[in-house]
Every structure is written in C-alpha cells, then in structure tokens.
Protein backbone atom coordinates (compact mmCIF):
# COMPACT_ATOMS: atom_id res chain seq x y z
CA MET A 1 10.75 -10.27 13.61
CA SER A 2 10.30 -14.03 13.94
CA GLU A 3 7.38 -16.39 14.28
CA GLU A 4 6.88 -20.02 15.14
CA THR A 5 3.84 -22.21 14.79
CA THR A 6 2.48 -25.51 16.06
CA LEU A 7 -0.76 -27.13 15.01
CA ALA A 8 -2.92 -28.14 17.99
CA VAL A 9 -4.66 -31.12 16.39
CA GLN A 10 -4.27 -34.68 17.66
CA PRO A 11 -3.85 -37.42 15.01
CA GLU A 12 -6.95 -39.28 16.20
CA GLU A 13 -9.00 -36.11 15.72
CA ALA A 14 -8.00 -35.55 12.11
CA HIS A 15 -10.79 -37.66 10.60
CA THR A 16 -13.42 -35.52 12.33
CA LEU A 17 -12.11 -32.36 10.68
CA ALA A 18 -12.60 -33.39 7.06
CA ARG A 19 -15.20 -30.70 6.33
CA LEU A 20 -13.10 -27.95 7.87
CA TYR A 21 -10.01 -29.13 5.98
CA ALA A 22 -11.97 -29.11 2.72
CA LYS A 23 -13.08 -25.55 3.31
CA MET A 24 -9.57 -24.42 4.17
CA SER A 25 -8.35 -26.08 0.99
CA ARG A 26 -10.90 -24.12 -1.06
CA VAL A 27 -9.86 -20.90 0.66
CA MET A 28 -6.25 -21.73 -0.17
CA GLY A 29 -7.19 -22.21 -3.80
CA GLN A 30 -9.01 -18.87 -3.95
CA LEU A 31 -6.14 -16.77 -2.58
CA LYS A 32 -3.71 -15.56 -5.21
CA ARG A 33 -0.40 -13.72 -4.98
CA LEU A 34 -0.78 -10.44 -3.10
CA PRO A 35 0.86 -7.23 -4.35
CA ARG A 36 3.35 -5.38 -2.20
CA ASN A 37 1.48 -2.11 -1.79
CA GLY A 38 3.30 -1.01 1.35
CA PHE A 39 6.69 0.70 1.31
CA ASN A 40 9.13 1.25 4.16
CA THR A 41 10.59 4.70 3.47
CA HIS A 42 13.37 4.30 6.02
CA PHE A 43 14.82 0.95 4.90
CA LYS A 44 13.60 1.28 1.29
CA TYR A 45 11.72 -1.97 0.72
CA ALA A 46 8.22 -2.93 -0.42
CA PHE A 47 5.98 -5.26 1.57
CA VAL A 48 2.50 -6.73 1.65
CA THR A 49 0.34 -4.80 4.11
CA ASP A 50 -1.61 -6.53 6.85
CA ALA A 51 -4.78 -4.85 5.55
CA ASP A 52 -4.36 -6.48 2.13
CA VAL A 53 -3.83 -9.88 3.76
CA LEU A 54 -6.85 -9.53 6.05
CA ASP A 55 -9.13 -8.27 3.28
CA ALA A 56 -8.23 -11.15 0.97
CA VAL A 57 -8.47 -13.88 3.60
CA ARG A 58 -11.66 -12.48 5.15
CA GLU A 59 -13.47 -12.51 1.82
CA ALA A 60 -12.40 -16.07 1.01
CA MET A 61 -13.18 -17.40 4.51
CA THR A 62 -16.60 -15.79 4.84
CA ALA A 63 -17.57 -17.19 1.45
CA GLU A 64 -16.98 -20.64 2.97
CA GLY A 65 -18.82 -19.84 6.20
CA MET A 66 -15.63 -19.85 8.25
CA ALA A 67 -14.62 -17.70 11.20
CA LEU A 68 -11.31 -16.94 12.90
CA PHE A 69 -10.80 -16.29 16.61
CA VAL A 70 -7.56 -14.89 18.03
CA SER A 71 -6.50 -15.05 21.67
CA MET A 72 -3.26 -13.91 23.27
CA ASN A 73 -1.83 -16.36 25.78
CA SER A 74 1.19 -14.45 27.03
CA VAL A 75 3.41 -11.48 26.31
CA HIS A 76 7.04 -10.77 27.17
CA GLN A 77 8.72 -7.39 26.80
CA ASP A 78 12.47 -6.88 27.00
CA ASN A 79 13.53 -3.31 26.46
CA LYS A 80 12.31 -2.47 22.92
CA ARG A 81 11.45 -6.06 21.95
CA THR A 82 7.99 -7.54 22.48
CA THR A 83 7.24 -11.26 22.11
CA ALA A 84 3.61 -12.36 22.20
CA ASP A 85 2.11 -15.85 22.14
CA PHE A 86 -1.18 -16.40 20.31
CA ASP A 87 -3.71 -19.11 19.51
CA LEU A 88 -5.58 -18.66 16.23
CA THR A 89 -8.68 -20.84 15.92
CA PHE A 90 -10.25 -21.56 12.52
CA ALA A 91 -13.89 -22.58 12.87
CA ASP A 92 -16.49 -23.96 10.45
CA GLY A 93 -19.85 -22.29 11.01
CA GLU A 94 -21.78 -25.23 9.55
CA SER A 95 -20.22 -28.25 11.21
CA GLY A 96 -18.88 -26.59 14.34
CA GLN A 97 -15.45 -28.09 13.68
CA SER A 98 -12.46 -26.01 14.74
CA MET A 99 -8.69 -26.14 14.60
CA SER A 100 -6.20 -24.02 16.56
CA ILE A 101 -2.77 -22.86 15.49
CA HIS A 102 -0.18 -21.62 17.95
CA TRP A 103 1.89 -18.69 16.71
CA VAL A 104 4.51 -16.44 18.26
CA GLY A 105 5.03 -12.92 16.95
CA GLU A 106 7.82 -10.47 17.66
CA ALA A 107 8.09 -6.71 17.27
CA ILE A 108 10.51 -3.93 18.10
CA ASP A 109 9.02 -0.60 19.12
CA THR A 110 10.40 2.37 21.02
CA GLN A 111 6.98 3.60 22.21
CA ASP A 112 3.91 1.75 23.49
CA LYS A 113 2.83 -0.19 20.41
CA GLY A 114 4.93 -3.33 20.81
CA ILE A 115 2.00 -5.62 21.66
CA ALA A 116 -0.15 -4.28 18.83
CA LYS A 117 2.69 -4.72 16.34
CA ALA A 118 3.42 -8.24 17.56
CA ALA A 119 -0.27 -9.14 17.21
CA THR A 120 -0.41 -7.69 13.71
CA SER A 121 2.73 -9.58 12.73
CA ALA A 122 1.49 -12.87 14.17
CA LEU A 123 -1.90 -12.69 12.46
CA LYS A 124 -0.50 -11.55 9.13
CA TYR A 125 2.20 -14.19 8.87
CA CYS A 126 0.05 -16.98 10.28
CA LEU A 127 -2.50 -16.37 7.52
CA LEU A 128 0.17 -16.03 4.82
CA LYS A 129 1.85 -19.31 5.79
CA THR A 130 -1.30 -21.27 6.62
CA PHE A 131 -2.90 -20.53 3.26
CA LEU A 132 0.40 -20.54 1.32
CA ILE A 133 -0.16 -17.02 -0.04
CA ALA A 134 2.65 -15.86 -2.30
CA THR A 135 3.87 -12.29 -1.81
CA GLY A 136 7.42 -12.08 -3.10
CA ASP A 137 8.51 -10.95 0.38
CA ASP A 138 11.63 -13.11 0.43
CA PRO A 139 13.76 -12.14 3.46
CA ASP A 140 16.87 -13.27 1.60
CA SER A 141 16.31 -10.95 -1.36
CA ASP A 142 16.48 -7.21 -1.86
CA GLY A 143 13.22 -5.30 -2.27
CA ASP A 144 12.09 -4.79 -5.85
CA GLY A 145 8.93 -4.33 -7.84
CA PRO A 146 6.97 -1.22 -8.81
CA GLN A 147 6.46 0.17 -5.32
CA ALA A 148 10.12 -0.14 -4.41
CA ASP A 149 11.18 1.34 -7.72
CA LEU A 150 8.93 4.35 -7.15
CA ALA A 151 11.07 5.35 -4.19
CA LYS A 152 14.45 4.79 -5.81
CA GLN A 153 16.47 7.72 -7.09
CA GLN A 154 16.26 8.37 -10.81
CA ALA A 155 19.37 7.78 -12.88
CA PRO A 156 21.18 10.93 -14.10
CA ASN A 157 19.50 12.84 -16.93
CA LYS A 158 16.12 11.30 -16.14
CA ALA A 159 13.16 13.31 -14.93
CA VAL A 160 14.00 14.83 -11.56
CA ALA A 161 11.18 15.50 -9.12
CA PRO A 162 10.39 19.17 -8.59
CA LYS A 163 12.45 20.37 -5.61
CA ALA A 164 11.89 23.29 -3.33
CA ALA A 165 14.03 26.34 -4.10
CA LYS A 166 14.72 29.42 -2.03
CA THR A 167 13.51 31.72 -4.79
CA THR A 168 10.70 31.56 -7.31
CA GLU A 169 13.20 31.14 -10.14
CA ALA A 170 14.60 27.80 -11.31
CA SER A 171 18.09 27.09 -9.99
CA GLN A 172 20.69 24.80 -11.50
CA GLY A 173 21.21 21.45 -9.75
CA SER A 174 24.58 19.76 -9.32
CA ASN A 175 23.70 17.11 -11.89
CA GLY A 176 22.78 19.65 -14.54
CA ASN A 177 19.03 19.40 -14.00
CA SER A 178 16.99 22.38 -12.91
CA ALA A 179 15.75 22.38 -9.34
CA ILE A 180 12.24 23.77 -9.68
CA ALA A 181 10.65 26.10 -7.16
CA ARG A 182 7.75 24.47 -5.35
CA PRO A 183 4.88 24.63 -5.69
CA ALA A 184 5.52 24.51 -9.43
CA SER A 185 3.18 25.75 -12.13
CA PRO A 186 0.64 23.37 -13.72
CA ALA A 187 2.58 23.28 -17.00
CA VAL A 188 5.85 22.42 -15.25
CA VAL A 189 4.28 19.65 -13.17
CA LYS A 190 2.49 18.22 -16.19
CA ASP A 191 5.73 18.15 -18.15
CA TRP A 192 7.55 16.48 -15.24
CA LEU A 193 4.82 13.85 -14.92
CA THR A 194 5.07 13.09 -18.63
CA GLN A 195 8.83 12.61 -18.38
CA LYS A 196 8.47 10.45 -15.28
CA ALA A 197 5.86 8.27 -17.01
CA GLU A 198 8.32 7.70 -19.86
CA ALA A 199 10.92 6.61 -17.30
CA PHE A 200 8.34 4.18 -15.86
CA SER A 201 7.32 2.80 -19.26
CA HIS A 202 8.16 -0.75 -18.15
CA TYR A 203 5.31 -0.66 -15.60
CA LYS A 204 2.50 -2.16 -17.66
CA SER A 205 -0.41 -2.52 -15.26
CA PRO A 206 -0.89 -0.89 -11.85
CA THR A 207 -2.09 -2.93 -8.88
CA ASP A 208 -5.52 -2.36 -7.37
CA GLY A 209 -3.78 -0.94 -4.32
CA GLN A 210 -1.84 1.62 -6.37
CA LEU A 211 -4.96 2.69 -8.26
CA GLY A 212 -6.97 2.94 -5.06
CA LEU A 213 -4.28 4.99 -3.34
CA MET A 214 -3.92 7.39 -6.27
CA ASN A 215 -7.67 7.87 -6.75
CA GLY A 216 -8.26 8.29 -3.03
CA LEU A 217 -5.55 10.92 -2.65
CA LEU A 218 -6.66 12.89 -5.70
CA SER A 219 -10.32 12.85 -4.68
CA LYS A 220 -9.45 13.96 -1.16
CA ILE A 221 -7.18 16.77 -2.35
CA LEU A 222 -9.55 18.07 -5.01
CA GLY A 223 -12.85 17.59 -3.20
CA GLY A 224 -14.48 14.70 -5.02
CA ASP A 225 -14.48 12.16 -7.82
CA LYS A 226 -15.74 14.65 -10.42
CA GLU A 227 -12.80 16.93 -9.74
CA ARG A 228 -10.42 13.98 -9.81
CA ARG A 229 -11.69 12.99 -13.26
CA SER A 230 -11.20 16.54 -14.51
CA TRP A 231 -7.62 16.48 -13.20
CA LEU A 232 -6.94 13.13 -14.86
CA ASP A 233 -8.39 14.35 -18.15
CA TRP A 234 -6.25 17.50 -18.18
CA THR A 235 -3.10 15.73 -17.02
CA TRP A 236 -3.28 12.40 -18.83
CA GLY A 237 -5.95 12.94 -21.49
CA ASP A 238 -8.49 10.51 -20.04
CA PRO A 239 -10.93 11.21 -17.19
CA SER A 240 -11.09 7.55 -16.20
CA SER A 241 -8.40 5.69 -14.29
CA LYS A 242 -9.73 2.38 -15.59
CA GLY A 243 -7.15 1.00 -17.95
CA MET A 244 -4.64 3.66 -16.90
CA PRO A 245 -1.11 2.39 -17.58
CA GLY A 246 1.18 1.66 -14.68
CA SER A 247 3.67 4.26 -15.91
CA GLN A 248 1.17 7.08 -15.38
CA VAL A 249 0.00 5.76 -12.03
CA GLY A 250 3.61 5.36 -10.91
CA ALA A 251 4.48 8.91 -12.00
CA THR A 252 1.45 10.33 -10.19
CA LEU A 253 2.22 8.50 -6.94
CA THR A 254 5.88 9.51 -7.11
CA TRP A 255 4.81 13.13 -7.40
CA LEU A 256 2.17 12.90 -4.64
CA LYS A 257 4.81 11.23 -2.42
CA PRO A 258 2.33 9.92 0.18
CA GLU A 259 3.56 9.18 3.70
CA LYS A 260 1.61 7.01 6.13
CA ASP A 261 0.55 8.75 9.33
CA PRO A 262 1.46 6.34 12.18
CA GLU A 263 -1.36 7.68 14.33
CA THR A 264 -4.23 7.44 11.82
CA ASP A 265 -2.80 4.90 9.32
CA GLU A 266 -3.87 7.32 6.57
CA TYR A 267 -1.64 8.27 3.65
CA ILE A 268 -0.83 11.99 3.55
CA PRO A 269 0.34 13.54 0.25
CA HIS A 270 3.23 15.96 0.10
CA PRO A 271 2.09 19.56 0.84
CA PHE A 272 3.63 20.94 -2.36
CA ALA A 273 1.85 18.28 -4.40
CA VAL A 274 -1.43 19.27 -2.76
CA SER A 275 -0.98 22.89 -3.82
CA GLU A 276 0.13 21.91 -7.31
CA CYS A 277 -2.77 19.52 -7.70
CA LYS A 278 -5.30 22.25 -6.92
CA MET A 279 -3.60 24.68 -9.31
CA MET A 280 -3.69 22.04 -12.05
CA LEU A 281 -7.43 21.56 -11.54
CA ARG A 282 -7.94 25.30 -11.74
CA GLN A 283 -5.98 25.35 -14.99
CA ALA A 284 -8.17 22.56 -16.32
CA MET A 285 -11.24 24.63 -15.47
CA LEU A 286 -9.70 27.71 -17.10
CA ASP A 287 -9.04 25.76 -20.26
CA LYS A 288 -12.71 24.77 -20.32
CA GLY A 289 -13.92 28.26 -19.42
CA GLN A 290 -15.20 27.05 -16.06
CA ALA A 291 -12.81 28.75 -13.64
CA ASP A 292 -15.69 30.34 -11.77
CA MET A 293 -16.85 26.85 -10.80
CA PHE A 294 -13.63 26.07 -8.94
CA ASP A 295 -13.02 27.14 -5.36
CA GLU A 296 -9.31 27.57 -4.64
CA ALA A 297 -9.79 27.41 -0.90
C-alpha cells in the first residue's frame, strides 16, 4: 500500500484561507495518539483501524464547524492491485473557505473490494498525515503493544489457552501442559483467566477500544449488560469494567478470541468461548441461588 499527496492551494490564495487554517490547527491540537485496536491475524501485527481514525477526526472537525468531501477522480486495476486517485476537500462551514488535497491510495484484493479498500486507505492515511496523528504504526518496525502481544504465543510454562480435545478428559500436551477439553468447565476457565492475567500483569490500563470490544462481546453473548456485570463479578470480583486492569481485559479478550467477519465488519467470539461464557454465568447464578433466572438457550 502506498499513497501520495499534493496540496491544491495556490500561493496567492493562502491569505484568504486564514480562518480555515486556524480551524485545522485547532483540530490538529485536539487529536491525540490513537491506539492500535485492530489486529491482523494472518501477518500478526496491530494497527489503527479506519473507524477509530474517522471517529476521532469527525468529532474534532464538527466541533469546529468543518466538513470533508471526498471525490474519486480515477481508478486503475491491474490484476489484484487497485490504484485510486482522490480529492479530499476540507471546508469551513462559517467562512465558506475550502482546501483540497490530492491523495492516491492502493490496495490488493483477490475479490471485488479493491476500490473500497483503496478508498478506505486513502481517507485514513490522508487524515492521519494531514493532522499529524501519532499511531505507532511505523512501517519500519515490528508490531508490538498490547493488541499484538495478545496474539503472540505464551512462553513455555505460562498459562496455555484451553484447547479442544477429542475426549472429555484432559490430555497431556507436548510441552507438559494439559490440553483441556473444550468447552471447559467454569472453574477451569476461571483458573485459566487468572493465570493469563498474571502473565499480562505489565498491561496497566486497557484502551477504550479494548474495553468496548470486551463489553460488547460479553453483553451480546450473555444477553445484556446486567448479565455481563454478573459474569464480571463472578470471574473478576467486580461487576464494573470501569477501572478494570489491562491484565484482566487482555486475558478476557485472549480467551474470547474474536475474529472480524469480513462481510459484516463485526467481531465474532470463538464458539467454545461462547459456550463457556454462558456456563460461567449459570454458575454465577447458582452461587447466588438464582439459577432459575438464567435461560441456557
């Protein structure tokens, strides 16, 4: 993927754009470093999602009364590679001043989404570079950070994720750890999560994206926020995710193992984790004498 940009503003016009420039400067000052909430499971690297970029920039721009218009000038497709040429126009709703940026985006796709991917790439990177938004996405460095670490294999003798077994009994893994039959019992999963959180003890604070993903998945699996809080209370000893340490959030997301559906852009948790999550909630209700209030279906 590559992009190029040119600024379509003539020198003699610059003095007429002072108000627009001032607003763009304030937007630039409002935008802080964005977390890398996306993760490429194939190539094993973390990245800033286009949704996070658009949400942050949209909020800052609308607060200044600014709008952005995108138009595609041309597109070229060569086998799997798509190259698209765009003009992005920043406009001030008060003064009527506008400024256009020319940007070229590239994408490689084996199906029919090359143009859409090129457009997403162009818009995302134009906004990142125009407003100097830091992300840590250095193309010359290897992926790191909490999201990347969540997908890395644990060192030997650390907590090993529950693995599917052919029988309902625990089998011995090649590294000496037990490979647990899935779905595992609530007690086994809870113990694994505790061990994993200890391994992630260096993760101090989760990002908003990580918290949102965890809460959203749990609420969807269990049927609502009330059920999610009961699960959190039984599993981690606190019904609220506010102030939840990054180690616990990281352990929970590692266990849920969400994968993004390319068709819907929704994150889908692992089927075994879904079953285990529901059994854990039932156990929480049993412990409180409320099992009759929980529907296993």
